[in-house]
Protein backbone atom coordinates (compact mmCIF):
# COMPACT_ATOMS: atom_id res chain seq x y z
CA MET A 1 -179.73 -73.35 -11.08
CA ARG A 2 -178.21 -72.82 -14.50
CA ARG A 3 -176.35 -69.77 -13.15
CA ALA A 4 -175.11 -71.71 -10.13
CA LEU A 5 -173.96 -74.60 -12.36
CA GLY A 6 -172.21 -72.19 -14.63
CA LEU A 7 -170.33 -70.57 -11.76
CA ALA A 8 -169.39 -74.02 -10.44
CA TRP A 9 -167.92 -75.04 -13.78
CA VAL A 10 -165.99 -71.77 -13.99
CA GLY A 11 -164.59 -72.44 -10.49
CA ILE A 12 -163.63 -75.96 -11.36
CA GLY A 13 -161.95 -74.70 -14.53
CA LEU A 14 -159.97 -72.08 -12.61
CA LEU A 15 -158.86 -74.66 -10.05
CA GLY A 16 -157.83 -76.98 -12.84
CA SER A 17 -155.77 -74.29 -14.55
CA VAL A 18 -154.12 -73.38 -11.28
CA SER A 19 -153.31 -77.02 -10.59
CA ALA A 20 -151.91 -77.42 -14.09
CA ALA A 21 -149.78 -74.33 -13.66
CA GLU A 22 -148.47 -75.62 -10.36
CA ALA A 23 -147.61 -78.96 -11.96
CA GLN A 24 -145.59 -77.33 -14.72
CA PRO A 25 -141.77 -77.63 -14.32
CA LEU A 26 -140.22 -74.40 -13.03
CA ARG A 27 -138.09 -72.44 -15.43
CA VAL A 28 -134.87 -71.82 -13.56
CA GLY A 29 -132.41 -69.38 -15.09
CA VAL A 30 -128.72 -70.05 -14.31
CA VAL A 31 -126.20 -67.29 -14.88
CA GLN A 32 -123.23 -68.48 -16.94
CA ASN A 33 -119.54 -67.87 -16.16
CA ALA A 34 -120.19 -66.70 -12.62
CA MET A 35 -118.24 -69.24 -10.57
CA PRO A 36 -118.03 -70.09 -7.75
CA CYS A 37 -121.77 -69.27 -7.77
CA SER A 38 -123.03 -70.62 -11.06
CA GLU A 39 -122.11 -71.76 -14.54
CA LEU A 40 -123.18 -74.21 -17.20
CA GLU A 41 -120.59 -76.85 -18.00
CA ASN A 42 -121.50 -79.02 -20.98
CA GLY A 43 -125.09 -77.92 -20.45
CA GLN A 44 -125.05 -78.99 -16.79
CA PRO A 45 -125.50 -76.29 -14.10
CA ARG A 46 -123.02 -76.17 -11.24
CA GLY A 47 -121.86 -73.85 -8.46
CA SER A 48 -122.74 -72.90 -4.86
CA ALA A 49 -126.02 -71.18 -5.76
CA VAL A 50 -126.99 -74.03 -8.10
CA GLU A 51 -126.33 -76.66 -5.41
CA LEU A 52 -128.42 -74.64 -2.97
CA TRP A 53 -131.32 -74.55 -5.42
CA GLN A 54 -131.00 -78.27 -6.19
CA SER A 55 -131.25 -79.00 -2.44
CA ILE A 56 -134.40 -76.91 -2.19
CA ALA A 57 -135.99 -78.51 -5.28
CA THR A 58 -135.23 -81.98 -3.89
CA GLN A 59 -136.78 -81.11 -0.52
CA ARG A 60 -139.90 -79.78 -2.21
CA SER A 61 -140.06 -82.52 -4.91
CA TRP A 62 -140.14 -79.84 -7.57
CA THR A 63 -139.24 -80.43 -11.22
CA TYR A 64 -137.58 -77.73 -13.25
CA THR A 65 -135.88 -76.94 -16.54
CA THR A 66 -132.71 -74.92 -16.86
CA VAL A 67 -132.44 -71.73 -18.88
CA ALA A 68 -128.98 -70.29 -19.61
CA LEU A 69 -128.63 -66.57 -18.77
CA ARG A 70 -125.61 -64.64 -20.02
CA THR A 71 -125.07 -62.16 -17.15
CA PRO A 72 -126.57 -61.21 -13.77
CA ASN A 73 -128.23 -58.18 -15.36
CA ALA A 74 -129.75 -60.45 -18.00
CA ALA A 75 -131.08 -62.61 -15.15
CA ILE A 76 -132.78 -59.61 -13.56
CA ASP A 77 -134.47 -58.68 -16.89
CA ALA A 78 -135.53 -62.28 -17.59
CA ALA A 79 -137.14 -62.53 -14.12
CA ALA A 80 -138.83 -59.14 -14.46
CA ASN A 81 -140.27 -60.13 -17.88
CA GLY A 82 -141.52 -63.50 -16.61
CA GLU A 83 -139.17 -65.38 -18.94
CA VAL A 84 -137.95 -67.48 -15.97
CA ASP A 85 -139.65 -68.40 -12.70
CA LEU A 86 -136.41 -68.14 -10.72
CA ALA A 87 -132.91 -66.76 -11.45
CA VAL A 88 -130.10 -68.55 -9.66
CA SER A 89 -126.62 -67.18 -8.92
CA CYS A 90 -124.99 -64.86 -6.39
CA LEU A 91 -127.24 -61.95 -7.33
CA ASN A 92 -126.55 -58.79 -5.37
CA ILE A 93 -129.56 -57.02 -3.80
CA ILE A 94 -129.22 -53.33 -4.74
CA PRO A 95 -131.83 -50.55 -5.05
CA GLU A 96 -131.75 -50.43 -8.88
CA ARG A 97 -132.71 -54.11 -9.02
CA LEU A 98 -135.32 -53.94 -6.27
CA GLU A 99 -137.19 -51.51 -8.51
CA LYS A 100 -137.57 -54.28 -11.10
CA VAL A 101 -137.80 -57.62 -9.24
CA ASP A 102 -138.32 -59.34 -5.91
CA PHE A 103 -135.53 -61.30 -4.22
CA SER A 104 -135.57 -64.28 -1.94
CA ILE A 105 -134.15 -63.83 1.54
CA PRO A 106 -130.34 -63.55 1.32
CA TYR A 107 -128.23 -66.68 1.69
CA GLN A 108 -124.81 -64.96 1.82
CA GLU A 109 -123.05 -61.59 1.57
CA ASP A 110 -120.05 -60.48 -0.48
CA SER A 111 -118.00 -57.39 -1.30
CA LEU A 112 -116.27 -56.15 -4.45
CA ALA A 113 -112.54 -56.49 -5.03
CA PHE A 114 -109.67 -55.77 -7.42
CA LEU A 115 -107.09 -58.30 -8.63
CA SER A 116 -104.06 -56.34 -9.85
CA ARG A 117 -100.71 -56.93 -11.49
CA LYS A 118 -97.94 -56.00 -9.05
CA THR A 119 -96.22 -52.95 -10.53
CA HIS A 120 -92.96 -53.78 -8.67
CA GLN A 121 -91.59 -55.94 -5.96
CA HIS A 122 -90.25 -54.38 -2.80
CA GLN A 123 -87.05 -52.47 -3.62
CA LEU A 124 -84.47 -51.83 -0.91
CA LEU A 125 -84.08 -48.03 -1.11
CA PRO A 126 -87.84 -47.24 -1.28
CA LEU A 127 -88.43 -49.69 1.54
CA LEU A 128 -85.75 -48.13 3.77
CA LYS A 129 -87.14 -44.67 3.04
CA HIS A 130 -90.57 -45.89 4.01
CA LEU A 131 -89.33 -47.42 7.25
CA SER A 132 -87.24 -44.37 8.24
CA SER A 133 -90.28 -42.12 8.02
CA ASP A 134 -92.37 -44.12 10.50
CA SER A 135 -92.77 -42.36 13.86
CA THR A 136 -92.95 -45.60 15.88
CA LEU A 137 -89.59 -46.78 14.53
CA GLN A 138 -88.09 -43.33 15.08
CA ASP A 139 -89.29 -43.31 18.72
CA ALA A 140 -88.02 -46.84 19.29
CA ILE A 141 -84.52 -45.92 18.08
CA ILE A 142 -84.44 -42.71 20.15
CA LEU A 143 -85.62 -44.62 23.22
CA LEU A 144 -83.04 -47.37 22.76
CA MET A 145 -80.19 -44.93 22.30
CA GLY A 146 -81.37 -42.81 25.28
CA ILE A 147 -81.77 -45.69 27.73
CA THR A 148 -78.43 -47.25 26.79
CA ALA A 149 -76.68 -43.86 26.98
CA VAL A 150 -77.96 -43.23 30.47
CA GLY A 151 -77.11 -46.78 31.47
CA ALA A 152 -73.57 -46.42 30.06
CA ALA A 153 -73.11 -43.18 32.01
CA VAL A 154 -74.23 -44.78 35.27
CA LEU A 155 -71.96 -47.81 34.72
CA TRP A 156 -69.04 -45.49 33.94
CA TRP A 157 -69.68 -43.59 37.12
CA ILE A 158 -69.99 -46.73 39.28
CA GLY A 159 -66.89 -48.39 37.90
CA LYS A 160 -64.84 -45.20 37.40
CA GLY A 161 -64.70 -46.03 33.74
CA PHE A 162 -64.66 -49.22 31.64
CA HIS A 163 -61.56 -51.23 32.42
CA HIS A 164 -62.03 -54.48 30.59
CA LYS A 165 -59.34 -54.97 27.95
CA ASP A 166 -61.91 -55.61 25.22
CA ILE A 167 -63.50 -52.20 25.86
CA SER A 168 -60.58 -50.01 26.83
CA GLN A 169 -59.32 -47.65 24.11
CA GLN A 170 -56.51 -45.10 23.89
CA ARG A 171 -58.90 -42.20 24.51
CA ARG A 172 -61.48 -42.26 27.32
CA SER A 173 -64.22 -40.89 25.03
CA PHE A 174 -63.64 -43.76 22.63
CA THR A 175 -63.84 -46.23 25.54
CA PHE A 176 -67.15 -44.78 26.66
CA PHE A 177 -68.54 -44.82 23.16
CA LYS A 178 -67.57 -48.44 22.62
CA GLY A 179 -69.21 -49.45 25.93
CA TRP A 180 -72.33 -47.57 24.95
CA MET A 181 -72.55 -49.33 21.57
CA MET A 182 -72.07 -52.71 23.30
CA LEU A 183 -75.13 -51.95 25.39
CA VAL A 184 -77.09 -50.92 22.27
CA VAL A 185 -76.41 -54.18 20.39
CA GLY A 186 -76.28 -56.40 23.52
CA SER A 187 -72.90 -57.89 22.70
CA GLY A 188 -70.37 -58.60 25.49
CA ILE A 189 -72.38 -56.72 28.06
CA TYR A 190 -71.03 -58.97 30.81
CA LYS A 191 -67.75 -57.05 30.41
CA MET A 192 -69.36 -53.77 31.53
CA GLY A 193 -68.85 -54.45 35.21
CA ASP A 194 -68.73 -57.28 37.74
CA SER A 195 -70.11 -55.53 40.86
CA PRO A 196 -73.71 -56.31 41.89
CA PRO A 197 -74.95 -52.76 41.14
CA SER A 198 -73.33 -52.89 37.70
CA MET A 199 -74.79 -56.30 36.92
CA ALA A 200 -78.28 -55.13 38.01
CA ILE A 201 -78.07 -52.12 35.75
CA VAL A 202 -76.84 -54.19 32.81
CA THR A 203 -79.74 -56.59 33.36
CA LEU A 204 -82.33 -53.80 33.33
CA ILE A 205 -80.79 -52.29 30.24
CA ASN A 206 -80.81 -55.65 28.50
CA ILE A 207 -84.50 -56.24 29.31
CA SER A 208 -85.39 -52.79 28.06
CA ARG A 209 -83.36 -53.36 24.85
CA LEU A 210 -85.18 -56.65 24.20
CA ILE A 211 -88.57 -54.99 24.60
CA ILE A 212 -87.68 -52.03 22.36
CA THR A 213 -86.12 -54.35 19.78
CA SER A 214 -89.27 -56.47 19.69
CA ILE A 215 -91.36 -53.38 19.06
CA PHE A 216 -88.98 -52.26 16.35
CA VAL A 217 -88.99 -55.65 14.57
CA GLY A 218 -92.80 -56.05 14.81
CA THR A 219 -93.45 -52.53 13.46
CA ALA A 220 -90.93 -52.96 10.63
CA ALA A 221 -92.48 -56.31 9.59
CA THR A 222 -95.95 -54.77 9.59
CA LEU A 223 -94.78 -51.94 7.39
CA MET A 224 -93.02 -54.29 5.01
CA PHE A 225 -96.06 -56.43 4.45
CA GLN A 226 -98.84 -53.83 4.61
CA ASP A 227 -98.56 -53.21 0.85
CA TYR A 228 -100.00 -56.71 0.38
CA GLN A 229 -103.17 -55.85 2.33
CA PRO A 230 -106.12 -54.67 0.20
CA VAL A 231 -106.83 -50.97 0.42
CA ASP A 232 -110.28 -49.57 0.85
CA LEU A 233 -111.86 -48.77 -2.55
CA SER A 234 -113.27 -45.57 -1.07
CA GLU A 235 -109.73 -44.12 -1.32
CA LYS A 236 -110.14 -41.83 -4.35
CA GLU A 237 -106.45 -41.48 -5.20
CA TRP A 238 -105.98 -45.23 -5.43
CA LEU A 239 -109.14 -45.64 -7.53
CA ILE A 240 -108.08 -42.90 -9.94
CA ARG A 241 -104.68 -44.54 -10.41
CA ALA A 242 -106.29 -47.98 -10.97
CA LEU A 243 -108.77 -46.58 -13.53
CA SER A 244 -106.02 -44.75 -15.36
CA GLU A 245 -104.13 -48.09 -15.70
CA GLY A 246 -107.27 -49.79 -17.09
CA VAL A 247 -109.77 -52.07 -15.40
CA ALA A 248 -111.46 -55.12 -16.87
CA VAL A 249 -114.72 -55.50 -14.99
CA ASP A 250 -117.10 -58.46 -14.83
CA GLY A 251 -119.62 -57.29 -17.43
CA GLY A 252 -123.36 -57.08 -16.73
CA THR A 253 -122.88 -57.17 -12.96
CA VAL A 254 -122.99 -54.92 -9.93
CA SER A 255 -119.24 -54.50 -10.29
CA GLU A 256 -119.65 -52.76 -13.65
CA LEU A 257 -122.48 -50.57 -12.34
CA TRP A 258 -120.58 -49.61 -9.20
CA LEU A 259 -117.33 -48.82 -10.98
CA LYS A 260 -118.99 -46.67 -13.63
CA GLN A 261 -120.85 -44.74 -10.96
CA GLN A 262 -117.60 -44.12 -9.11
CA ALA A 263 -115.83 -43.02 -12.29
CA ARG A 264 -118.63 -40.46 -12.98
CA ALA A 265 -118.51 -39.23 -9.36
CA LEU A 266 -114.79 -38.50 -9.71
CA GLY A 267 -115.66 -35.93 -12.39
CA GLN A 268 -113.16 -37.31 -14.89
CA PRO A 269 -115.10 -38.62 -17.93
CA ALA A 270 -111.94 -40.07 -19.48
CA LEU A 271 -111.62 -42.57 -16.69
CA GLU A 272 -114.89 -44.23 -17.60
CA GLN A 273 -113.44 -45.03 -20.99
CA ARG A 274 -110.76 -47.10 -19.28
CA ILE A 275 -113.38 -49.56 -17.96
CA GLU A 276 -113.58 -52.68 -20.16
CA PRO A 277 -116.60 -54.97 -19.50
CA ILE A 278 -115.68 -58.63 -19.99
CA SER A 279 -117.74 -61.75 -19.23
CA GLY A 280 -116.20 -64.89 -17.73
CA ASP A 281 -113.27 -65.64 -15.41
CA GLU A 282 -111.05 -66.92 -18.21
CA ALA A 283 -111.49 -63.80 -20.32
CA LEU A 284 -110.77 -61.57 -17.27
CA ILE A 285 -107.61 -63.50 -16.42
CA ARG A 286 -106.41 -63.37 -20.05
CA ALA A 287 -106.84 -59.63 -20.17
CA LEU A 288 -104.82 -59.26 -16.98
CA LYS A 289 -102.03 -61.63 -18.03
CA ARG A 290 -101.67 -60.07 -21.46
CA GLY A 291 -101.31 -56.64 -19.93
CA THR A 292 -104.38 -55.26 -21.73
CA VAL A 293 -105.37 -53.96 -18.32
CA SER A 294 -103.57 -53.87 -14.98
CA ASN A 295 -106.62 -54.67 -12.84
CA VAL A 296 -109.78 -56.78 -12.92
CA MET A 297 -112.81 -56.21 -10.73
CA ALA A 298 -115.55 -58.58 -9.63
CA ASP A 299 -117.22 -59.98 -6.47
CA THR A 300 -114.60 -60.84 -3.86
CA GLY A 301 -115.48 -64.56 -4.03
CA ARG A 302 -114.79 -64.62 -7.73
CA ILE A 303 -111.60 -62.55 -7.38
CA GLN A 304 -110.27 -64.97 -4.77
CA ARG A 305 -110.99 -67.90 -7.08
CA MET A 306 -109.31 -66.19 -10.01
CA SER A 307 -106.23 -65.40 -7.94
CA ARG A 308 -105.82 -69.11 -7.21
CA ARG A 309 -106.10 -70.04 -10.87
CA ILE A 310 -103.28 -67.79 -12.15
CA ASN A 311 -100.09 -69.66 -13.04
CA ASP A 312 -97.82 -67.09 -11.38
CA PRO A 313 -99.77 -65.83 -8.31
CA SER A 314 -96.74 -64.04 -6.89
CA ALA A 315 -96.99 -61.50 -9.71
CA TYR A 316 -100.56 -60.54 -8.74
CA GLN A 317 -102.40 -59.48 -5.63
CA ILE A 318 -105.88 -58.66 -4.33
CA SER A 319 -105.10 -54.92 -4.16
CA ALA A 320 -108.37 -53.37 -3.00
CA GLN A 321 -111.89 -54.15 -1.93
CA THR A 322 -115.05 -52.60 -0.59
CA PHE A 323 -115.39 -53.40 3.11
CA ASN A 324 -119.16 -53.01 3.07
CA ARG A 325 -120.83 -56.31 2.09
CA THR A 326 -123.96 -56.65 -0.09
CA PRO A 327 -126.52 -59.40 0.50
CA GLN A 328 -126.95 -61.93 -2.30
CA ALA A 329 -130.04 -64.05 -3.11
CA PHE A 330 -132.14 -65.70 -5.79
CA VAL A 331 -134.47 -63.58 -7.94
CA PHE A 332 -138.14 -64.42 -8.22
CA GLY A 333 -139.74 -64.33 -11.65
CA SER A 334 -142.78 -62.11 -11.98
CA GLY A 335 -145.04 -65.13 -12.55
CA LEU A 336 -143.85 -67.21 -9.60
CA SER A 337 -146.67 -67.84 -7.11
CA LYS A 338 -146.55 -66.43 -3.61
CA ALA A 339 -146.80 -69.97 -2.21
CA LYS A 340 -143.62 -71.06 -3.97
CA ARG A 341 -141.84 -67.86 -2.98
CA ASP A 342 -142.71 -68.51 0.63
CA GLN A 343 -141.53 -72.11 0.39
CA ILE A 344 -138.19 -71.09 -1.12
CA ASN A 345 -137.64 -68.48 1.61
CA LEU A 346 -138.56 -71.05 4.27
CA SER A 347 -136.09 -73.56 2.85
CA ILE A 348 -133.25 -71.03 2.72
CA SER A 349 -133.98 -69.89 6.24
CA THR A 350 -134.10 -73.47 7.53
CA MET A 351 -130.81 -74.37 5.86
CA ARG A 352 -129.11 -71.31 7.27
CA PHE A 353 -130.39 -71.95 10.76
CA SER A 354 -129.55 -75.65 10.73
CA GLY A 355 -126.04 -75.09 9.35
CA ALA A 356 -126.71 -77.03 6.16
CA LEU A 357 -125.98 -74.07 3.96
CA GLU A 358 -122.47 -73.17 5.19
CA PRO A 359 -120.74 -76.38 3.92
CA ILE A 360 -122.12 -75.74 0.45
CA LEU A 361 -120.76 -72.22 0.33
CA LYS A 362 -117.40 -73.20 1.79
CA ARG A 363 -116.95 -76.11 -0.60
CA TRP A 364 -117.44 -74.00 -3.72
CA ASN A 365 -115.69 -70.87 -2.47
CA GLY A 366 -112.65 -72.93 -1.66
CA ALA A 367 -112.64 -74.72 -5.02
């Protein structure tokens, strides 16, 4: 009986300690200077990841205290060491981190991107050289000249020459050339002949000219503006050039880890010395505006937000990005119970399925 009573008291004590632990406020780490995901403003947490957590805590009637964490990497270490029960921000799920901590189910995905100072605006001669080397534009010009030349020859044959006073020249070859050029540009083509066969040929040539001209204009516009489209960061030549110009990277993040790995893989140790880890959007923008570096790198969501906050956005562009996207989630502290982990995952899954999560992310990403 004494042994049974002793075991009962031990059991009651264990249950009491578990209940007390469950009643304790959760220690929630919030990564600073990581907008639009998270930051602490005057001690108050804010951001898309913070609002998501606050919604979950309200649903579950959980109380919590906030712990400021300097960087995403510091958040991983704090969770692994049990210093926080949950780390909140847009924390990328990568193999190096999975070796240390457990993540919640992802609530969004993001890529990495560069915000760069434009080295020059479009200049006329380089632009014309670029356009002249495009095979589609070359083919369009050849096709236009060929169709109009054949059409001019047929019209010349049908009408025994071009007899309109606005076309006729002293030499027959000059008259033919002028009629040909009129077909090319589409000016005064009604003067090429007034017989039904001539009018039919002029109409066909004009339709062909309009189609070819549309192709030419569309291709030229695409080529003119393609420099403003982000390139793929897997292009080694572009990455080498960017690193040689200097890159300020969001310190203590996946961006820093990824960029340093890429610099080592290029086999040029000097390039790694051109990477400058900086924490916080304001510090990154200052480095770019002062010309300390020509590029900054961070998650695409943060880069887009920074690009909207620059006073002279026309002088900068999102120049490159990774087109593979990495899932992002909360990080569970080592001491967080399985029951609470399951409840957090269930809440995230429910909010994603019901559509309640999307407005939160859009609101902050567009801010």
